[in-house]
C-alpha atoms as a PDB file:
ATOM      1  CA  UNK A   1      23.855 111.922 132.746  1.00  0.00           C
ATOM      2  CA  UNK A   2      27.656 111.771 132.107  1.00  0.00           C
ATOM      3  CA  UNK A   3      27.260 110.652 128.022  1.00  0.00           C
ATOM      4  CA  UNK A   4      24.715 113.384 127.872  1.00  0.00           C
ATOM      5  CA  UNK A   5      27.694 115.971 128.564  1.00  0.00           C
ATOM      6  CA  UNK A   6      29.878 114.087 125.845  1.00  0.00           C
ATOM      7  CA  UNK A   7      27.060 114.063 123.164  1.00  0.00           C
ATOM      8  CA  UNK A   8      26.299 117.677 123.771  1.00  0.00           C
ATOM      9  CA  UNK A   9      30.098 118.552 123.304  1.00  0.00           C
ATOM     10  CA  UNK A  10      30.226 116.133 120.391  1.00  0.00           C
ATOM     11  CA  UNK A  11      27.295 117.732 118.700  1.00  0.00           C
ATOM     12  CA  UNK A  12      28.765 121.166 119.025  1.00  0.00           C
ATOM     13  CA  UNK A  13      32.211 119.802 117.244  1.00  0.00           C
ATOM     14  CA  UNK A  14      30.724 118.364 114.604  1.00  0.00           C
ATOM     15  CA  UNK A  15      28.413 122.237 114.515  1.00  0.00           C
ATOM     16  CA  UNK A  16      31.734 124.037 114.265  1.00  0.00           C
ATOM     17  CA  UNK A  17      32.554 121.472 111.801  1.00  0.00           C
ATOM     18  CA  UNK A  18      29.973 121.857 109.555  1.00  0.00           C
ATOM     19  CA  UNK A  19      29.932 125.910 109.668  1.00  0.00           C
ATOM     20  CA  UNK A  20      33.515 125.757 108.611  1.00  0.00           C
ATOM     21  CA  UNK A  21      32.482 123.752 105.305  1.00  0.00           C
ATOM     22  CA  UNK A  22      29.243 125.708 104.178  1.00  0.00           C
ATOM     23  CA  UNK A  23      32.282 129.293 104.807  1.00  0.00           C
ATOM     24  CA  UNK A  24      34.260 127.479 102.111  1.00  0.00           C
ATOM     25  CA  UNK A  25      31.070 126.360  99.870  1.00  0.00           C
ATOM     26  CA  UNK A  26      29.274 129.911  99.999  1.00  0.00           C
ATOM     27  CA  UNK A  27      32.070 132.171 100.841  1.00  0.00           C
ATOM     28  CA  UNK A  28      35.400 130.998  99.483  1.00  0.00           C
ATOM     29  CA  UNK A  29      34.691 129.034  95.959  1.00  0.00           C
ATOM     30  CA  UNK A  30      32.415 131.405  94.614  1.00  0.00           C
ATOM     31  CA  UNK A  31      35.335 134.212  94.859  1.00  0.00           C
ATOM     32  CA  UNK A  32      37.050 132.690  92.112  1.00  0.00           C
ATOM     33  CA  UNK A  33      33.584 133.042  89.865  1.00  0.00           C
ATOM     34  CA  UNK A  34      33.285 137.048  91.170  1.00  0.00           C
ATOM     35  CA  UNK A  35      36.746 137.567  90.159  1.00  0.00           C
ATOM     36  CA  UNK A  36      37.321 135.864  86.723  1.00  0.00           C
ATOM     37  CA  UNK A  37      34.483 137.132  85.123  1.00  0.00           C
ATOM     38  CA  UNK A  38      35.513 139.978  83.691  1.00  0.00           C
ATOM     39  CA  UNK A  39      39.447 139.418  83.074  1.00  0.00           C
ATOM     40  CA  UNK A  40      40.007 136.077  82.145  1.00  0.00           C
ATOM     41  CA  UNK A  41      44.439 136.300  82.810  1.00  0.00           C
ATOM     42  CA  UNK A  42      46.472 133.668  84.400  1.00  0.00           C
ATOM     43  CA  UNK A  43      47.749 136.393  87.255  1.00  0.00           C
ATOM     44  CA  UNK A  44      44.149 137.163  88.256  1.00  0.00           C
ATOM     45  CA  UNK A  45      43.840 133.496  88.518  1.00  0.00           C
ATOM     46  CA  UNK A  46      46.996 132.941  90.542  1.00  0.00           C
ATOM     47  CA  UNK A  47      46.080 135.925  92.879  1.00  0.00           C
ATOM     48  CA  UNK A  48      42.180 134.041  93.137  1.00  0.00           C
ATOM     49  CA  UNK A  49      43.342 130.877  93.763  1.00  0.00           C
ATOM     50  CA  UNK A  50      45.992 132.355  96.324  1.00  0.00           C
ATOM     51  CA  UNK A  51      43.037 134.758  98.194  1.00  0.00           C
ATOM     52  CA  UNK A  52      41.118 131.444  98.327  1.00  0.00           C
ATOM     53  CA  UNK A  53      44.105 129.783  99.788  1.00  0.00           C
ATOM     54  CA  UNK A  54      44.613 132.219 102.094  1.00  0.00           C
ATOM     55  CA  UNK A  55      41.167 132.147 103.457  1.00  0.00           C
ATOM     56  CA  UNK A  56      40.732 128.527 104.115  1.00  0.00           C
ATOM     57  CA  UNK A  57      43.797 128.556 105.961  1.00  0.00           C
ATOM     58  CA  UNK A  58      42.169 130.988 108.257  1.00  0.00           C
ATOM     59  CA  UNK A  59      39.031 129.404 108.492  1.00  0.00           C
ATOM     60  CA  UNK A  60      41.069 126.080 109.593  1.00  0.00           C
ATOM     61  CA  UNK A  61      43.541 127.869 111.803  1.00  0.00           C
ATOM     62  CA  UNK A  62      40.093 129.010 113.647  1.00  0.00           C
ATOM     63  CA  UNK A  63      38.387 125.784 113.865  1.00  0.00           C
ATOM     64  CA  UNK A  64      41.239 124.420 115.030  1.00  0.00           C
ATOM     65  CA  UNK A  65      41.902 126.911 117.976  1.00  0.00           C
ATOM     66  CA  UNK A  66      37.987 126.508 118.557  1.00  0.00           C
ATOM     67  CA  UNK A  67      37.627 122.816 118.442  1.00  0.00           C
ATOM     68  CA  UNK A  68      40.733 122.974 121.312  1.00  0.00           C
ATOM     69  CA  UNK A  69      39.924 125.838 122.903  1.00  0.00           C
ATOM     70  CA  UNK A  70      36.256 123.991 124.327  1.00  0.00           C
ATOM     71  CA  UNK A  71      38.346 120.555 123.853  1.00  0.00           C
ATOM     72  CA  UNK A  72      40.123 121.601 127.234  1.00  0.00           C
ATOM     73  CA  UNK A  73      37.295 123.496 128.979  1.00  0.00           C
ATOM     74  CA  UNK A  74      35.486 120.377 128.858  1.00  0.00           C
ATOM     75  CA  UNK A  75      38.156 118.390 130.283  1.00  0.00           C
ATOM     76  CA  UNK A  76      38.861 120.654 132.850  1.00  0.00           C
ATOM     77  CA  UNK A  77      35.373 120.553 133.896  1.00  0.00           C
ATOM     78  CA  UNK A  78      35.424 116.783 133.562  1.00  0.00           C
ATOM     79  CA  UNK A  79      38.342 116.679 136.292  1.00  0.00           C
ATOM     80  CA  UNK A  80      36.522 118.925 138.655  1.00  0.00           C
ATOM     81  CA  UNK A  81      33.693 117.049 138.830  1.00  0.00           C
ATOM     82  CA  UNK A  82      35.299 113.841 139.004  1.00  0.00           C
ATOM     83  CA  UNK A  83      37.316 115.026 142.041  1.00  0.00           C
ATOM     84  CA  UNK A  84      34.331 116.957 143.475  1.00  0.00           C
ATOM     85  CA  UNK A  85      32.296 113.078 143.640  1.00  0.00           C
END
């Protein structure tokens, strides 16, 4: 039963990573096409790249925060189980 909890924890972690990757592919990447269709100025390209970079950093920050939070919850649960048994 101990390994089952660990497997679900790892599966959940990988699920969060995959959701973050999909958000990069389907949300952040198309921004450049939407913004640059009408104007081909270098300023617009730089602004779009800056927006994409900021969004990517925010998503990675949220991912790190969530993974750290769930890791602490998992470890706390395991320590309580170890003290009881």
